[in-house]
């Protein structure tokens, strides 16, 4: 039971982490464009 629950839940956790990373990157990218500088 716990293994099947884990298999069902981990994609949701992974998607949430990816969403947070992408959102932060997009925010940084927008800020860099506004200040006319490179992201790196």
N, C-alpha and C. Protein backbone atom coordinates (compact mmCIF):
# COMPACT_ATOMS: atom_id res chain seq x y z
N UNK A 1 0.83 -1.21 0.00
CA UNK A 1 0.00 0.00 0.00
C UNK A 1 0.87 1.26 0.00
N UNK A 2 1.85 1.33 0.90
CA UNK A 2 2.69 2.54 0.98
C UNK A 2 3.52 2.73 -0.29
N UNK A 3 3.98 1.61 -0.88
CA UNK A 3 4.78 1.72 -2.10
C UNK A 3 3.95 2.28 -3.24
N UNK A 4 2.73 1.80 -3.41
CA UNK A 4 1.88 2.31 -4.49
C UNK A 4 1.52 3.78 -4.24
N UNK A 5 1.32 4.14 -2.97
CA UNK A 5 1.04 5.54 -2.64
C UNK A 5 2.25 6.41 -2.99
N UNK A 6 3.44 5.94 -2.68
CA UNK A 6 4.68 6.66 -3.01
C UNK A 6 4.82 6.84 -4.52
N UNK A 7 4.53 5.77 -5.27
CA UNK A 7 4.65 5.82 -6.73
C UNK A 7 3.65 6.81 -7.31
N UNK A 8 2.49 6.96 -6.69
CA UNK A 8 1.49 7.91 -7.18
C UNK A 8 1.82 9.35 -6.77
N UNK A 9 2.47 9.54 -5.62
CA UNK A 9 2.70 10.88 -5.09
C UNK A 9 3.97 11.54 -5.65
N UNK A 10 5.02 10.78 -5.93
CA UNK A 10 6.29 11.43 -6.28
C UNK A 10 6.22 12.29 -7.53
N UNK A 11 5.42 11.97 -8.55
CA UNK A 11 5.35 12.89 -9.69
C UNK A 11 4.75 14.25 -9.30
N UNK A 12 3.82 14.26 -8.36
CA UNK A 12 3.21 15.51 -7.89
C UNK A 12 4.26 16.35 -7.17
N UNK A 13 5.05 15.72 -6.31
CA UNK A 13 6.11 16.43 -5.58
C UNK A 13 7.15 16.97 -6.57
N UNK A 14 7.55 16.14 -7.54
CA UNK A 14 8.53 16.56 -8.54
C UNK A 14 8.01 17.73 -9.36
N UNK A 15 6.76 17.67 -9.75
CA UNK A 15 6.17 18.76 -10.53
C UNK A 15 6.12 20.05 -9.71
N UNK A 16 5.82 19.95 -8.44
CA UNK A 16 5.77 21.13 -7.57
C UNK A 16 7.15 21.77 -7.44
N UNK A 17 8.17 20.95 -7.24
CA UNK A 17 9.54 21.46 -7.13
C UNK A 17 9.96 22.12 -8.44
N UNK A 18 9.67 21.46 -9.55
CA UNK A 18 10.01 22.02 -10.86
C UNK A 18 9.29 23.35 -11.08
N UNK A 19 8.03 23.43 -10.67
CA UNK A 19 7.25 24.66 -10.82
C UNK A 19 7.90 25.80 -10.03
N UNK A 20 8.34 25.52 -8.81
CA UNK A 20 8.97 26.55 -7.98
C UNK A 20 10.27 27.04 -8.62
N UNK A 21 11.06 26.10 -9.14
CA UNK A 21 12.33 26.47 -9.78
C UNK A 21 12.08 27.31 -11.04
N UNK A 22 11.14 26.89 -11.87
CA UNK A 22 10.84 27.61 -13.11
C UNK A 22 10.27 28.99 -12.81
N UNK A 23 9.41 29.08 -11.79
CA UNK A 23 8.83 30.38 -11.43
C UNK A 23 9.92 31.35 -10.96
N UNK A 24 10.85 30.86 -10.16
CA UNK A 24 11.95 31.71 -9.69
C UNK A 24 12.83 32.14 -10.86
N UNK A 25 13.08 31.22 -11.79
CA UNK A 25 13.91 31.55 -12.95
C UNK A 25 13.25 32.62 -13.82
N UNK A 26 11.95 32.46 -14.05
CA UNK A 26 11.22 33.44 -14.87
C UNK A 26 11.23 34.81 -14.19
N UNK A 27 11.07 34.82 -12.88
CA UNK A 27 11.11 36.09 -12.13
C UNK A 27 12.49 36.76 -12.28
N UNK A 28 13.56 35.97 -12.13
CA UNK A 28 14.91 36.51 -12.29
C UNK A 28 15.15 37.01 -13.71
N UNK A 29 14.65 36.26 -14.68
CA UNK A 29 14.81 36.64 -16.08
C UNK A 29 14.11 37.96 -16.36
N UNK A 30 12.90 38.12 -15.86
CA UNK A 30 12.16 39.37 -16.06
C UNK A 30 12.86 40.55 -15.40
N UNK A 31 13.39 40.31 -14.20
CA UNK A 31 14.11 41.37 -13.49
C UNK A 31 15.37 41.76 -14.25
N UNK A 32 16.08 40.78 -14.79
CA UNK A 32 17.30 41.07 -15.55
C UNK A 32 16.97 41.85 -16.82
N UNK A 33 15.89 41.49 -17.49
CA UNK A 33 15.49 42.24 -18.69
C UNK A 33 15.14 43.67 -18.34
N UNK A 34 14.46 43.84 -17.22
CA UNK A 34 14.04 45.19 -16.80
C UNK A 34 15.26 46.06 -16.50
N UNK A 35 16.28 45.44 -15.92
CA UNK A 35 17.50 46.18 -15.57
C UNK A 35 18.53 46.15 -16.71
N UNK A 36 18.16 45.54 -17.83
CA UNK A 36 19.03 45.46 -19.02
C UNK A 36 20.38 44.85 -18.70
N UNK A 37 20.36 43.66 -18.09
CA UNK A 37 21.60 42.94 -17.80
C UNK A 37 21.42 41.47 -18.09
N UNK A 38 22.54 40.74 -18.12
CA UNK A 38 22.50 39.30 -18.40
C UNK A 38 22.03 38.53 -17.17
N UNK A 39 21.47 37.36 -17.42
CA UNK A 39 20.99 36.52 -16.31
C UNK A 39 22.16 35.84 -15.61
N UNK A 40 23.22 35.58 -16.36
CA UNK A 40 24.38 34.88 -15.76
C UNK A 40 25.33 35.89 -15.15
